[in-house]
Amino acid sequence: MSVVKTEKLSKIYITGKVETTALRDVSMSLGEGEFTSLVGPSGSGKTTLLNLIGGLDSPSSGSVLIGDKEITGMKKGALSDLRLAHIGFIFQEYNLIPVLSALENVEYVMLLQGVAKKERLERSMDILKEVGLEGREQSRPGELSGGQQQRVAVARAVVARPRIVLADEPTANLDSETGKALMEMMLKLNEDHRTTFLLSTHEALVMDMCHRVIKLRDGQVVDDGV
């Protein structure tokens, strides 16, 4: 069974009398443990596709399946529960909670999941060690570099044991050396945890390190390196 499957997925944005087609009939499937990049120029539909797969936006037509569950048309509460259980997010701007420590940021999703305190702490400490932040557990985001903050964000996404992690331009705000180190870390997490990753990017470094590259242009898939 696919971890994620889209069928003839389209998204049209309407502003006044102007219609803009952001995505057109995109059909794709990702299996367990894949490490895939979504590439294309600005405006090609990368972020729109990630948002539709993550249930952060609704398609104009077509469907999205997470496992065997079709999320199109799901009620907000059910969709929120599904995201919490099955989807991890990594954003370009890190999206950490500034008043919480690195440890507390990593624990946060598990807290929402209802994971017991002892297990939350053990899993958070383990994943922070995996991402190279042992000894920085009590540091707040403002005390960490950009690369370290993104490592916390990756740890937070993976520790909740989602079926898929969606990463929107995860290396965009990092220098090339830090970006390469982050990618190597995500690849290791992918291998160790068998978590599926889908990353949007325009950077050659990220594409080169992915097992599969899906190319978008004008909202359509023009190449899929399956």
N, C-alpha and C. Protein backbone atom coordinates (compact mmCIF):
# COMPACT_ATOMS: atom_id res chain seq x y z
N MET A 1 0.83 -1.21 0.00
CA MET A 1 0.00 0.00 0.00
C MET A 1 0.87 1.26 0.00
N SER A 2 0.46 2.25 -0.75
CA SER A 2 1.18 3.52 -0.79
C SER A 2 1.03 4.26 0.54
N VAL A 3 2.07 5.02 0.89
CA VAL A 3 1.96 5.91 2.05
C VAL A 3 1.12 7.13 1.66
N VAL A 4 1.38 7.64 0.45
CA VAL A 4 0.62 8.78 -0.08
C VAL A 4 0.30 8.50 -1.54
N LYS A 5 -0.92 8.83 -1.92
CA LYS A 5 -1.31 8.70 -3.32
C LYS A 5 -2.21 9.87 -3.69
N THR A 6 -1.90 10.52 -4.80
CA THR A 6 -2.79 11.57 -5.32
C THR A 6 -3.33 11.12 -6.67
N GLU A 7 -4.57 11.47 -6.93
CA GLU A 7 -5.19 11.11 -8.20
C GLU A 7 -5.84 12.34 -8.82
N LYS A 8 -5.33 12.72 -10.00
CA LYS A 8 -5.86 13.86 -10.77
C LYS A 8 -6.12 15.08 -9.89
N LEU A 9 -5.11 15.41 -9.09
CA LEU A 9 -5.21 16.49 -8.12
C LEU A 9 -5.03 17.86 -8.79
N SER A 10 -6.01 18.72 -8.60
CA SER A 10 -5.95 20.07 -9.18
C SER A 10 -6.32 21.11 -8.13
N LYS A 11 -5.74 22.30 -8.28
CA LYS A 11 -6.06 23.40 -7.40
C LYS A 11 -6.12 24.69 -8.20
N ILE A 12 -7.27 25.36 -8.12
CA ILE A 12 -7.47 26.64 -8.79
C ILE A 12 -7.75 27.70 -7.72
N TYR A 13 -6.98 28.76 -7.73
CA TYR A 13 -7.22 29.88 -6.82
C TYR A 13 -8.00 30.96 -7.57
N ILE A 14 -9.00 31.51 -6.90
CA ILE A 14 -9.82 32.55 -7.53
C ILE A 14 -9.68 33.85 -6.74
N THR A 15 -9.23 34.90 -7.41
CA THR A 15 -9.11 36.22 -6.80
C THR A 15 -9.95 37.18 -7.63
N GLY A 16 -11.10 37.58 -7.07
CA GLY A 16 -12.03 38.40 -7.84
C GLY A 16 -12.53 37.61 -9.04
N LYS A 17 -12.24 38.09 -10.23
CA LYS A 17 -12.65 37.39 -11.45
C LYS A 17 -11.49 36.64 -12.11
N VAL A 18 -10.34 36.62 -11.42
CA VAL A 18 -9.15 36.00 -11.99
C VAL A 18 -8.96 34.59 -11.41
N GLU A 19 -8.83 33.61 -12.28
CA GLU A 19 -8.55 32.24 -11.88
C GLU A 19 -7.10 31.89 -12.17
N THR A 20 -6.44 31.30 -11.19
CA THR A 20 -5.05 30.88 -11.37
C THR A 20 -4.96 29.39 -11.07
N THR A 21 -4.54 28.61 -12.04
CA THR A 21 -4.39 27.16 -11.85
C THR A 21 -3.01 26.88 -11.28
N ALA A 22 -2.97 26.48 -10.01
CA ALA A 22 -1.69 26.21 -9.35
C ALA A 22 -1.25 24.77 -9.55
N LEU A 23 -2.22 23.87 -9.74
CA LEU A 23 -1.92 22.45 -9.88
C LEU A 23 -2.94 21.84 -10.84
N ARG A 24 -2.46 20.95 -11.74
CA ARG A 24 -3.36 20.43 -12.76
C ARG A 24 -3.17 18.91 -12.91
N ASP A 25 -4.18 18.14 -12.48
CA ASP A 25 -4.24 16.69 -12.70
C ASP A 25 -2.95 15.97 -12.29
N VAL A 26 -2.51 16.20 -11.07
CA VAL A 26 -1.28 15.55 -10.59
C VAL A 26 -1.62 14.20 -9.95
N SER A 27 -1.08 13.14 -10.54
CA SER A 27 -1.23 11.79 -9.98
C SER A 27 0.15 11.24 -9.66
N MET A 28 0.34 10.81 -8.42
CA MET A 28 1.64 10.28 -7.99
C MET A 28 1.43 9.39 -6.77
N SER A 29 2.44 8.59 -6.48
CA SER A 29 2.35 7.67 -5.35
C SER A 29 3.71 7.55 -4.70
N LEU A 30 3.73 7.54 -3.36
CA LEU A 30 4.97 7.37 -2.61
C LEU A 30 4.84 6.16 -1.70
N GLY A 31 5.87 5.32 -1.71
CA GLY A 31 5.87 4.13 -0.86
C GLY A 31 6.61 4.35 0.44
N GLU A 32 6.57 3.36 1.30
CA GLU A 32 7.25 3.45 2.61
C GLU A 32 8.75 3.58 2.41
N GLY A 33 9.33 4.52 3.16
CA GLY A 33 10.78 4.67 3.17
C GLY A 33 11.37 5.42 1.99
N GLU A 34 10.53 5.98 1.11
CA GLU A 34 11.07 6.75 -0.02
C GLU A 34 11.62 8.09 0.47
N PHE A 35 12.61 8.59 -0.27
CA PHE A 35 13.22 9.90 0.02
C PHE A 35 13.20 10.66 -1.29
N THR A 36 12.19 11.50 -1.45
CA THR A 36 11.85 12.07 -2.76
C THR A 36 11.87 13.58 -2.72
N SER A 37 12.40 14.19 -3.78
CA SER A 37 12.34 15.64 -3.89
C SER A 37 11.33 16.05 -4.95
N LEU A 38 10.72 17.19 -4.69
CA LEU A 38 9.72 17.79 -5.57
C LEU A 38 10.36 19.08 -6.07
N VAL A 39 10.66 19.15 -7.37
CA VAL A 39 11.44 20.28 -7.87
C VAL A 39 10.70 21.01 -8.98
N GLY A 40 11.11 22.23 -9.20
CA GLY A 40 10.50 23.05 -10.24
C GLY A 40 10.71 24.51 -9.92
N PRO A 41 10.57 25.38 -10.91
CA PRO A 41 10.75 26.82 -10.69
C PRO A 41 9.68 27.39 -9.77
N SER A 42 9.91 28.60 -9.29
CA SER A 42 8.91 29.28 -8.47
C SER A 42 7.59 29.36 -9.23
N GLY A 43 6.49 29.01 -8.55
CA GLY A 43 5.18 29.04 -9.20
C GLY A 43 4.81 27.75 -9.90
N SER A 44 5.66 26.71 -9.75
CA SER A 44 5.39 25.45 -10.44
C SER A 44 4.36 24.58 -9.72
N GLY A 45 4.08 24.92 -8.44
CA GLY A 45 3.07 24.18 -7.70
C GLY A 45 3.59 23.31 -6.58
N LYS A 46 4.89 23.42 -6.26
CA LYS A 46 5.50 22.56 -5.25
C LYS A 46 4.83 22.72 -3.87
N THR A 47 4.77 23.96 -3.40
CA THR A 47 4.20 24.21 -2.07
C THR A 47 2.71 23.87 -2.04
N THR A 48 2.01 24.18 -3.13
CA THR A 48 0.58 23.84 -3.21
C THR A 48 0.38 22.34 -3.06
N LEU A 49 1.21 21.55 -3.75
CA LEU A 49 1.08 20.09 -3.66
C LEU A 49 1.37 19.59 -2.25
N LEU A 50 2.40 20.13 -1.62
CA LEU A 50 2.70 19.74 -0.23
C LEU A 50 1.53 20.09 0.69
N ASN A 51 0.97 21.28 0.51
CA ASN A 51 -0.14 21.71 1.36
C ASN A 51 -1.38 20.83 1.17
N LEU A 52 -1.62 20.37 -0.05
CA LEU A 52 -2.76 19.49 -0.30
C LEU A 52 -2.53 18.11 0.30
N ILE A 53 -1.32 17.58 0.14
CA ILE A 53 -1.00 16.28 0.73
C ILE A 53 -1.08 16.34 2.25
N GLY A 54 -0.64 17.47 2.82
CA GLY A 54 -0.66 17.62 4.27
C GLY A 54 -2.00 18.02 4.84
N GLY A 55 -3.00 18.20 3.97
CA GLY A 55 -4.33 18.59 4.46
C GLY A 55 -4.40 20.01 4.96
N LEU A 56 -3.44 20.85 4.56
CA LEU A 56 -3.44 22.26 4.97
C LEU A 56 -4.27 23.11 4.01
N ASP A 57 -4.63 22.52 2.86
CA ASP A 57 -5.46 23.18 1.87
C ASP A 57 -6.33 22.12 1.21
N SER A 58 -7.40 22.54 0.57
CA SER A 58 -8.32 21.59 -0.08
C SER A 58 -8.19 21.70 -1.59
N PRO A 59 -8.22 20.55 -2.30
CA PRO A 59 -8.11 20.60 -3.76
C PRO A 59 -9.40 21.09 -4.42
N SER A 60 -9.28 21.59 -5.62
CA SER A 60 -10.47 21.95 -6.41
C SER A 60 -11.10 20.69 -6.98
N SER A 61 -10.26 19.71 -7.30
CA SER A 61 -10.74 18.40 -7.76
C SER A 61 -9.64 17.38 -7.54
N GLY A 62 -10.02 16.10 -7.63
CA GLY A 62 -9.05 15.03 -7.41
C GLY A 62 -9.05 14.59 -5.95
N SER A 63 -8.13 13.68 -5.62
CA SER A 63 -8.13 13.11 -4.27
C SER A 63 -6.71 12.91 -3.75
N VAL A 64 -6.62 12.88 -2.41
CA VAL A 64 -5.38 12.59 -1.70
C VAL A 64 -5.65 11.46 -0.73
N LEU A 65 -4.85 10.40 -0.79
CA LEU A 65 -4.97 9.31 0.17
C LEU A 65 -3.70 9.23 1.00
N ILE A 66 -3.88 9.17 2.32
CA ILE A 66 -2.79 8.89 3.25
C ILE A 66 -3.04 7.47 3.73
N GLY A 67 -2.21 6.54 3.30
CA GLY A 67 -2.52 5.13 3.52
C GLY A 67 -3.79 4.78 2.76
N ASP A 68 -4.76 4.24 3.47
CA ASP A 68 -6.04 3.91 2.82
C ASP A 68 -7.13 4.93 3.12
N LYS A 69 -6.74 6.07 3.70
CA LYS A 69 -7.73 7.08 4.08
C LYS A 69 -7.72 8.25 3.09
N GLU A 70 -8.85 8.49 2.48
CA GLU A 70 -8.96 9.65 1.60
C GLU A 70 -9.25 10.87 2.45
N ILE A 71 -8.38 11.89 2.36
CA ILE A 71 -8.53 13.05 3.24
C ILE A 71 -9.37 14.15 2.60
N THR A 72 -9.62 14.03 1.29
CA THR A 72 -10.42 15.04 0.61
C THR A 72 -11.83 15.05 1.19
N GLY A 73 -12.26 16.20 1.67
CA GLY A 73 -13.61 16.31 2.22
C GLY A 73 -13.74 15.86 3.68
N MET A 74 -12.63 15.48 4.30
CA MET A 74 -12.67 15.11 5.72
C MET A 74 -13.07 16.30 6.57
N LYS A 75 -13.80 16.05 7.64
CA LYS A 75 -14.13 17.13 8.57
C LYS A 75 -12.86 17.59 9.29
N LYS A 76 -12.88 18.85 9.73
CA LYS A 76 -11.67 19.47 10.29
C LYS A 76 -11.08 18.66 11.45
N GLY A 77 -11.93 18.18 12.34
CA GLY A 77 -11.44 17.44 13.51
C GLY A 77 -10.75 16.15 13.11
N ALA A 78 -11.37 15.41 12.18
CA ALA A 78 -10.80 14.15 11.71
C ALA A 78 -9.49 14.39 10.97
N LEU A 79 -9.46 15.46 10.18
CA LEU A 79 -8.25 15.80 9.43
C LEU A 79 -7.11 16.19 10.37
N SER A 80 -7.45 16.94 11.40
CA SER A 80 -6.46 17.35 12.39
C SER A 80 -5.87 16.12 13.09
N ASP A 81 -6.75 15.17 13.45
CA ASP A 81 -6.30 13.94 14.10
C ASP A 81 -5.39 13.13 13.18
N LEU A 82 -5.75 13.07 11.89
CA LEU A 82 -4.94 12.31 10.94
C LEU A 82 -3.56 12.94 10.77
N ARG A 83 -3.53 14.28 10.66
CA ARG A 83 -2.23 14.97 10.55
C ARG A 83 -1.37 14.68 11.77
N LEU A 84 -1.97 14.76 12.92
CA LEU A 84 -1.25 14.55 14.17
C LEU A 84 -0.64 13.15 14.24
N ALA A 85 -1.38 12.17 13.74
CA ALA A 85 -0.94 10.78 13.83
C ALA A 85 0.01 10.37 12.71
N HIS A 86 -0.15 10.95 11.52
CA HIS A 86 0.53 10.38 10.35
C HIS A 86 1.44 11.31 9.56
N ILE A 87 1.40 12.63 9.81
CA ILE A 87 2.16 13.56 8.96
C ILE A 87 3.05 14.46 9.81
N GLY A 88 4.33 14.52 9.45
CA GLY A 88 5.26 15.45 10.08
C GLY A 88 5.56 16.59 9.11
N PHE A 89 5.76 17.78 9.64
CA PHE A 89 6.02 18.95 8.81
C PHE A 89 7.35 19.60 9.17
N ILE A 90 8.10 19.99 8.14
CA ILE A 90 9.31 20.78 8.33
C ILE A 90 9.18 22.01 7.43
N PHE A 91 9.30 23.19 8.02
CA PHE A 91 9.08 24.43 7.28
C PHE A 91 10.39 25.17 7.06
N GLN A 92 10.42 26.00 6.04
CA GLN A 92 11.59 26.80 5.71
C GLN A 92 11.98 27.71 6.88
N GLU A 93 10.97 28.23 7.59
CA GLU A 93 11.23 29.18 8.69
C GLU A 93 11.29 28.50 10.05
N TYR A 94 11.42 27.18 10.09
CA TYR A 94 11.60 26.37 11.30
C TYR A 94 10.31 26.19 12.11
N ASN A 95 9.57 27.31 12.34
CA ASN A 95 8.30 27.27 13.08
C ASN A 95 8.41 26.63 14.46
N LEU A 96 9.49 26.94 15.16
CA LEU A 96 9.63 26.48 16.55
C LEU A 96 8.91 27.46 17.47
N ILE A 97 8.54 26.99 18.65
CA ILE A 97 7.88 27.84 19.64
C ILE A 97 8.98 28.52 20.46
N PRO A 98 9.12 29.85 20.35
CA PRO A 98 10.29 30.54 20.90
C PRO A 98 10.46 30.44 22.41
N VAL A 99 9.36 30.29 23.16
CA VAL A 99 9.46 30.25 24.62
C VAL A 99 9.76 28.85 25.15
N LEU A 100 9.78 27.86 24.26
CA LEU A 100 10.05 26.48 24.68
C LEU A 100 11.49 26.10 24.37
N SER A 101 12.05 25.21 25.17
CA SER A 101 13.40 24.71 24.91
C SER A 101 13.37 23.75 23.72
N ALA A 102 14.55 23.38 23.24
CA ALA A 102 14.63 22.40 22.15
C ALA A 102 13.90 21.12 22.55
N LEU A 103 14.13 20.66 23.75
CA LEU A 103 13.48 19.44 24.25
C LEU A 103 11.96 19.59 24.25
N GLU A 104 11.48 20.71 24.74
CA GLU A 104 10.02 20.94 24.82
C GLU A 104 9.40 21.08 23.43
N ASN A 105 10.14 21.69 22.49
CA ASN A 105 9.65 21.78 21.12
C ASN A 105 9.50 20.40 20.50
N VAL A 106 10.48 19.53 20.74
CA VAL A 106 10.43 18.17 20.20
C VAL A 106 9.30 17.37 20.85
N GLU A 107 9.10 17.58 22.14
CA GLU A 107 8.04 16.86 22.87
C GLU A 107 6.63 17.27 22.47
N TYR A 108 6.49 18.46 21.90
CA TYR A 108 5.18 19.09 21.77
C TYR A 108 4.15 18.24 21.02
N VAL A 109 4.53 17.70 19.87
CA VAL A 109 3.58 16.91 19.09
C VAL A 109 3.18 15.65 19.85
N MET A 110 4.14 15.03 20.53
CA MET A 110 3.81 13.84 21.32
C MET A 110 2.88 14.17 22.48
N LEU A 111 3.04 15.37 23.03
CA LEU A 111 2.12 15.83 24.08
C LEU A 111 0.70 15.88 23.55
N LEU A 112 0.54 16.42 22.33
CA LEU A 112 -0.78 16.47 21.69
C LEU A 112 -1.29 15.07 21.37
N GLN A 113 -0.38 14.14 21.09
CA GLN A 113 -0.77 12.77 20.79
C GLN A 113 -1.18 11.98 22.04
N GLY A 114 -0.85 12.53 23.21
CA GLY A 114 -1.19 11.84 24.46
C GLY A 114 -0.15 10.82 24.88
N VAL A 115 1.08 10.93 24.37
CA VAL A 115 2.15 10.01 24.77
C VAL A 115 2.53 10.31 26.22
N ALA A 116 2.74 9.26 27.00
CA ALA A 116 3.06 9.40 28.42
C ALA A 116 4.38 10.17 28.60
N LYS A 117 4.47 10.91 29.72
CA LYS A 117 5.59 11.81 29.97
C LYS A 117 6.95 11.10 29.90
N LYS A 118 7.07 9.93 30.51
CA LYS A 118 8.35 9.21 30.53
C LYS A 118 8.79 8.84 29.11
N GLU A 119 7.84 8.34 28.30
CA GLU A 119 8.16 7.96 26.93
C GLU A 119 8.50 9.19 26.09
N ARG A 120 7.75 10.30 26.31
CA ARG A 120 8.04 11.54 25.59
C ARG A 120 9.48 11.97 25.82
N LEU A 121 9.88 11.94 27.08
CA LEU A 121 11.22 12.40 27.44
C LEU A 121 12.28 11.49 26.83
N GLU A 122 12.08 10.19 26.92
CA GLU A 122 13.06 9.24 26.39
C GLU A 122 13.22 9.40 24.87
N ARG A 123 12.07 9.47 24.17
CA ARG A 123 12.12 9.59 22.71
C ARG A 123 12.72 10.93 22.29
N SER A 124 12.41 12.00 23.02
CA SER A 124 12.94 13.32 22.69
C SER A 124 14.45 13.38 22.90
N MET A 125 14.91 12.84 24.00
CA MET A 125 16.35 12.83 24.27
C MET A 125 17.09 12.00 23.22
N ASP A 126 16.51 10.86 22.85
CA ASP A 126 17.14 9.98 21.86
C ASP A 126 17.25 10.67 20.50
N ILE A 127 16.16 11.32 20.06
CA ILE A 127 16.16 11.92 18.72
C ILE A 127 17.07 13.15 18.68
N LEU A 128 17.13 13.92 19.78
CA LEU A 128 18.04 15.07 19.82
C LEU A 128 19.50 14.61 19.75
N LYS A 129 19.78 13.46 20.34
CA LYS A 129 21.12 12.89 20.22
C LYS A 129 21.39 12.47 18.78
N GLU A 130 20.38 11.86 18.14
CA GLU A 130 20.51 11.42 16.74
C GLU A 130 20.82 12.59 15.80
N VAL A 131 20.22 13.75 16.08
CA VAL A 131 20.41 14.90 15.18
C VAL A 131 21.58 15.79 15.62
N GLY A 132 22.37 15.30 16.58
CA GLY A 132 23.59 16.01 16.95
C GLY A 132 23.41 17.17 17.91
N LEU A 133 22.33 17.15 18.70
CA LEU A 133 22.07 18.26 19.62
C LEU A 133 22.13 17.83 21.10
N GLU A 134 22.83 16.76 21.36
CA GLU A 134 23.01 16.35 22.75
C GLU A 134 23.74 17.46 23.51
N GLY A 135 23.20 17.84 24.65
CA GLY A 135 23.77 18.93 25.44
C GLY A 135 23.11 20.27 25.18
N ARG A 136 22.25 20.34 24.14
CA ARG A 136 21.54 21.59 23.84
C ARG A 136 20.04 21.46 24.09
N GLU A 137 19.66 20.45 24.85
CA GLU A 137 18.23 20.16 25.08
C GLU A 137 17.48 21.33 25.71
N GLN A 138 18.15 22.08 26.58
CA GLN A 138 17.47 23.17 27.30
C GLN A 138 17.60 24.53 26.61
N SER A 139 18.28 24.55 25.47
CA SER A 139 18.44 25.81 24.74
C SER A 139 17.14 26.19 24.04
N ARG A 140 16.81 27.47 24.09
CA ARG A 140 15.64 27.96 23.35
C ARG A 140 16.05 28.28 21.91
N PRO A 141 15.08 28.36 20.99
CA PRO A 141 15.41 28.62 19.59
C PRO A 141 16.33 29.81 19.37
N GLY A 142 16.11 30.90 20.13
CA GLY A 142 16.92 32.10 19.97
C GLY A 142 18.38 31.92 20.36
N GLU A 143 18.68 30.83 21.05
CA GLU A 143 20.05 30.53 21.47
C GLU A 143 20.74 29.55 20.52
N LEU A 144 20.03 29.15 19.46
CA LEU A 144 20.55 28.18 18.51
C LEU A 144 20.77 28.82 17.14
N SER A 145 21.72 28.28 16.39
CA SER A 145 21.94 28.75 15.02
C SER A 145 20.78 28.28 14.13
N GLY A 146 20.74 28.83 12.90
CA GLY A 146 19.69 28.41 11.97
C GLY A 146 19.73 26.91 11.70
N GLY A 147 20.94 26.38 11.49
CA GLY A 147 21.07 24.95 11.25
C GLY A 147 20.61 24.12 12.43
N GLN A 148 20.94 24.57 13.65
CA GLN A 148 20.51 23.85 14.86
C GLN A 148 18.99 23.92 15.03
N GLN A 149 18.41 25.08 14.72
CA GLN A 149 16.95 25.20 14.82
C GLN A 149 16.27 24.25 13.83
N GLN A 150 16.82 24.14 12.62
CA GLN A 150 16.21 23.24 11.65
C GLN A 150 16.38 21.79 12.08
N ARG A 151 17.46 21.47 12.77
CA ARG A 151 17.64 20.11 13.31
C ARG A 151 16.57 19.81 14.36
N VAL A 152 16.25 20.80 15.18
CA VAL A 152 15.17 20.63 16.16
C VAL A 152 13.85 20.39 15.42
N ALA A 153 13.62 21.15 14.36
CA ALA A 153 12.38 21.00 13.59
C ALA A 153 12.29 19.61 12.96
N VAL A 154 13.41 19.11 12.46
CA VAL A 154 13.43 17.75 11.88
C VAL A 154 13.17 16.72 12.98
N ALA A 155 13.82 16.90 14.13
CA ALA A 155 13.62 15.98 15.24
C ALA A 155 12.15 15.96 15.67
N ARG A 156 11.54 17.13 15.74
CA ARG A 156 10.12 17.24 16.13
C ARG A 156 9.24 16.50 15.12
N ALA A 157 9.56 16.62 13.84
CA ALA A 157 8.75 15.98 12.80
C ALA A 157 8.86 14.46 12.85
N VAL A 158 10.06 13.95 13.11
CA VAL A 158 10.31 12.51 13.04
C VAL A 158 9.92 11.78 14.33
N VAL A 159 10.09 12.44 15.48
CA VAL A 159 9.91 11.77 16.77
C VAL A 159 8.48 11.29 16.99
N ALA A 160 7.52 11.95 16.34
CA ALA A 160 6.12 11.57 16.51
C ALA A 160 5.74 10.34 15.68
N ARG A 161 6.72 9.76 14.97
CA ARG A 161 6.56 8.54 14.17
C ARG A 161 5.47 8.65 13.11
N PRO A 162 5.56 9.69 12.27
CA PRO A 162 4.57 9.85 11.20
C PRO A 162 4.84 8.86 10.07
N ARG A 163 3.86 8.71 9.20
CA ARG A 163 4.06 7.88 8.01
C ARG A 163 4.86 8.64 6.96
N ILE A 164 4.69 9.96 6.94
CA ILE A 164 5.41 10.78 5.97
C ILE A 164 5.79 12.11 6.59
N VAL A 165 6.97 12.61 6.20
CA VAL A 165 7.42 13.95 6.58
C VAL A 165 7.42 14.81 5.33
N LEU A 166 6.74 15.96 5.40
CA LEU A 166 6.69 16.92 4.30
C LEU A 166 7.59 18.09 4.65
N ALA A 167 8.57 18.36 3.79
CA ALA A 167 9.55 19.41 4.08
C ALA A 167 9.54 20.44 2.95
N ASP A 168 9.17 21.67 3.27
CA ASP A 168 9.07 22.74 2.28
C ASP A 168 10.34 23.57 2.28
N GLU A 169 11.19 23.37 1.28
CA GLU A 169 12.47 24.10 1.14
C GLU A 169 13.26 24.07 2.46
N PRO A 170 13.56 22.87 3.00
CA PRO A 170 14.17 22.79 4.34
C PRO A 170 15.57 23.38 4.44
N THR A 171 16.28 23.51 3.31
CA THR A 171 17.65 24.03 3.36
C THR A 171 17.76 25.46 2.85
N ALA A 172 16.63 26.08 2.52
CA ALA A 172 16.66 27.39 1.84
C ALA A 172 17.35 28.48 2.64
N ASN A 173 17.23 28.45 3.96
CA ASN A 173 17.81 29.51 4.79
C ASN A 173 19.18 29.14 5.36
N LEU A 174 19.78 28.07 4.84
CA LEU A 174 21.04 27.59 5.38
C LEU A 174 22.15 27.73 4.34
N ASP A 175 23.39 27.91 4.82
CA ASP A 175 24.51 27.91 3.88
C ASP A 175 24.72 26.50 3.36
N SER A 176 25.51 26.35 2.30
CA SER A 176 25.61 25.06 1.61
C SER A 176 26.16 23.95 2.51
N GLU A 177 27.14 24.28 3.34
CA GLU A 177 27.73 23.25 4.22
C GLU A 177 26.71 22.78 5.26
N THR A 178 25.98 23.73 5.86
CA THR A 178 24.97 23.39 6.86
C THR A 178 23.82 22.62 6.20
N GLY A 179 23.45 23.06 4.99
CA GLY A 179 22.39 22.38 4.25
C GLY A 179 22.75 20.94 3.93
N LYS A 180 23.99 20.70 3.52
CA LYS A 180 24.45 19.35 3.20
C LYS A 180 24.42 18.47 4.46
N ALA A 181 24.86 19.03 5.58
CA ALA A 181 24.84 18.27 6.84
C ALA A 181 23.41 17.92 7.25
N LEU A 182 22.49 18.87 7.05
CA LEU A 182 21.09 18.62 7.37
C LEU A 182 20.52 17.50 6.49
N MET A 183 20.84 17.54 5.20
CA MET A 183 20.36 16.51 4.28
C MET A 183 20.91 15.13 4.66
N GLU A 184 22.19 15.08 5.00
CA GLU A 184 22.78 13.80 5.42
C GLU A 184 22.10 13.26 6.66
N MET A 185 21.76 14.16 7.58
CA MET A 185 21.06 13.76 8.79
C MET A 185 19.66 13.22 8.48
N MET A 186 18.93 13.92 7.58
CA MET A 186 17.59 13.46 7.22
C MET A 186 17.63 12.12 6.50
N LEU A 187 18.63 11.92 5.65
CA LEU A 187 18.78 10.63 4.98
C LEU A 187 19.01 9.51 5.98
N LYS A 188 19.82 9.77 6.99
CA LYS A 188 20.07 8.74 8.01
C LYS A 188 18.79 8.44 8.79
N LEU A 189 18.03 9.48 9.13
CA LEU A 189 16.76 9.27 9.83
C LEU A 189 15.79 8.47 8.95
N ASN A 190 15.80 8.78 7.66
CA ASN A 190 14.97 8.05 6.70
C ASN A 190 15.33 6.57 6.69
N GLU A 191 16.62 6.28 6.69
CA GLU A 191 17.08 4.89 6.65
C GLU A 191 16.82 4.18 7.98
N ASP A 192 17.08 4.87 9.08
CA ASP A 192 16.95 4.24 10.39
C ASP A 192 15.50 4.01 10.80
N HIS A 193 14.61 4.95 10.42
CA HIS A 193 13.22 4.89 10.88
C HIS A 193 12.24 4.46 9.79
N ARG A 194 12.73 4.33 8.55
CA ARG A 194 11.88 3.96 7.40
C ARG A 194 10.75 4.97 7.19
N THR A 195 11.00 6.21 7.58
CA THR A 195 10.00 7.27 7.39
C THR A 195 10.10 7.81 5.97
N THR A 196 8.97 7.96 5.31
CA THR A 196 8.92 8.53 3.97
C THR A 196 9.11 10.04 4.04
N PHE A 197 9.97 10.59 3.19
CA PHE A 197 10.20 12.04 3.12
C PHE A 197 9.82 12.54 1.73
N LEU A 198 9.13 13.69 1.69
CA LEU A 198 8.88 14.41 0.44
C LEU A 198 9.33 15.85 0.67
N LEU A 199 10.36 16.26 -0.08
CA LEU A 199 10.96 17.58 0.12
C LEU A 199 10.78 18.44 -1.13
N SER A 200 10.26 19.64 -0.97
CA SER A 200 10.25 20.58 -2.10
C SER A 200 11.57 21.34 -2.08
N THR A 201 12.11 21.60 -3.25
CA THR A 201 13.39 22.29 -3.31
C THR A 201 13.65 22.84 -4.71
N HIS A 202 14.59 23.77 -4.79
CA HIS A 202 15.11 24.20 -6.09
C HIS A 202 16.64 24.07 -6.09
N GLU A 203 17.17 23.40 -5.04
CA GLU A 203 18.61 23.30 -4.88
C GLU A 203 19.15 21.98 -5.41
N ALA A 204 20.18 22.07 -6.23
CA ALA A 204 20.78 20.89 -6.85
C ALA A 204 21.29 19.90 -5.80
N LEU A 205 21.86 20.42 -4.71
CA LEU A 205 22.38 19.57 -3.65
C LEU A 205 21.31 18.62 -3.11
N VAL A 206 20.11 19.17 -2.87
CA VAL A 206 19.02 18.36 -2.33
C VAL A 206 18.57 17.32 -3.35
N MET A 207 18.41 17.74 -4.60
CA MET A 207 17.98 16.81 -5.66
C MET A 207 18.96 15.65 -5.78
N ASP A 208 20.26 15.97 -5.75
CA ASP A 208 21.29 14.95 -5.93
C ASP A 208 21.27 13.90 -4.82
N MET A 209 20.83 14.28 -3.63
CA MET A 209 20.85 13.37 -2.49
C MET A 209 19.55 12.58 -2.33
N CYS A 210 18.56 12.91 -3.15
CA CYS A 210 17.28 12.19 -3.07
C CYS A 210 17.29 10.96 -3.97
N HIS A 211 16.52 9.96 -3.58
CA HIS A 211 16.44 8.72 -4.35
C HIS A 211 15.58 8.89 -5.60
N ARG A 212 14.67 9.84 -5.54
CA ARG A 212 13.71 10.04 -6.63
C ARG A 212 13.43 11.53 -6.75
N VAL A 213 13.31 12.01 -7.98
CA VAL A 213 13.05 13.43 -8.23
C VAL A 213 11.79 13.54 -9.09
N ILE A 214 10.80 14.27 -8.57
CA ILE A 214 9.57 14.55 -9.32
C ILE A 214 9.63 16.02 -9.74
N LYS A 215 9.56 16.26 -11.06
CA LYS A 215 9.68 17.62 -11.57
C LYS A 215 8.30 18.18 -11.94
N LEU A 216 8.04 19.40 -11.45
CA LEU A 216 6.80 20.10 -11.76
C LEU A 216 7.09 21.31 -12.64
N ARG A 217 6.17 21.58 -13.55
CA ARG A 217 6.23 22.81 -14.33
C ARG A 217 4.79 23.25 -14.62
N ASP A 218 4.49 24.49 -14.30
CA ASP A 218 3.14 25.03 -14.53
C ASP A 218 2.06 24.14 -13.94
N GLY A 219 2.35 23.61 -12.74
CA GLY A 219 1.33 22.83 -12.02
C GLY A 219 1.16 21.40 -12.48
N GLN A 220 2.03 20.93 -13.36
CA GLN A 220 1.92 19.55 -13.86
C GLN A 220 3.23 18.79 -13.65
N VAL A 221 3.11 17.48 -13.47
CA VAL A 221 4.31 16.63 -13.39
C VAL A 221 4.85 16.44 -14.81
N VAL A 222 6.10 16.87 -15.03
CA VAL A 222 6.69 16.73 -16.36
C VAL A 222 7.74 15.62 -16.38
N ASP A 223 8.17 15.15 -15.21
CA ASP A 223 9.12 14.05 -15.13
C ASP A 223 9.03 13.44 -13.74
N ASP A 224 9.03 12.13 -13.67
CA ASP A 224 8.98 11.42 -12.38
C ASP A 224 10.01 10.32 -12.41
N GLY A 225 11.10 10.54 -11.70
CA GLY A 225 12.21 9.58 -11.73
C GLY A 225 11.96 8.38 -10.84
N VAL A 226 10.89 7.63 -11.12
CA VAL A 226 10.57 6.44 -10.32
C VAL A 226 11.59 5.36 -10.62
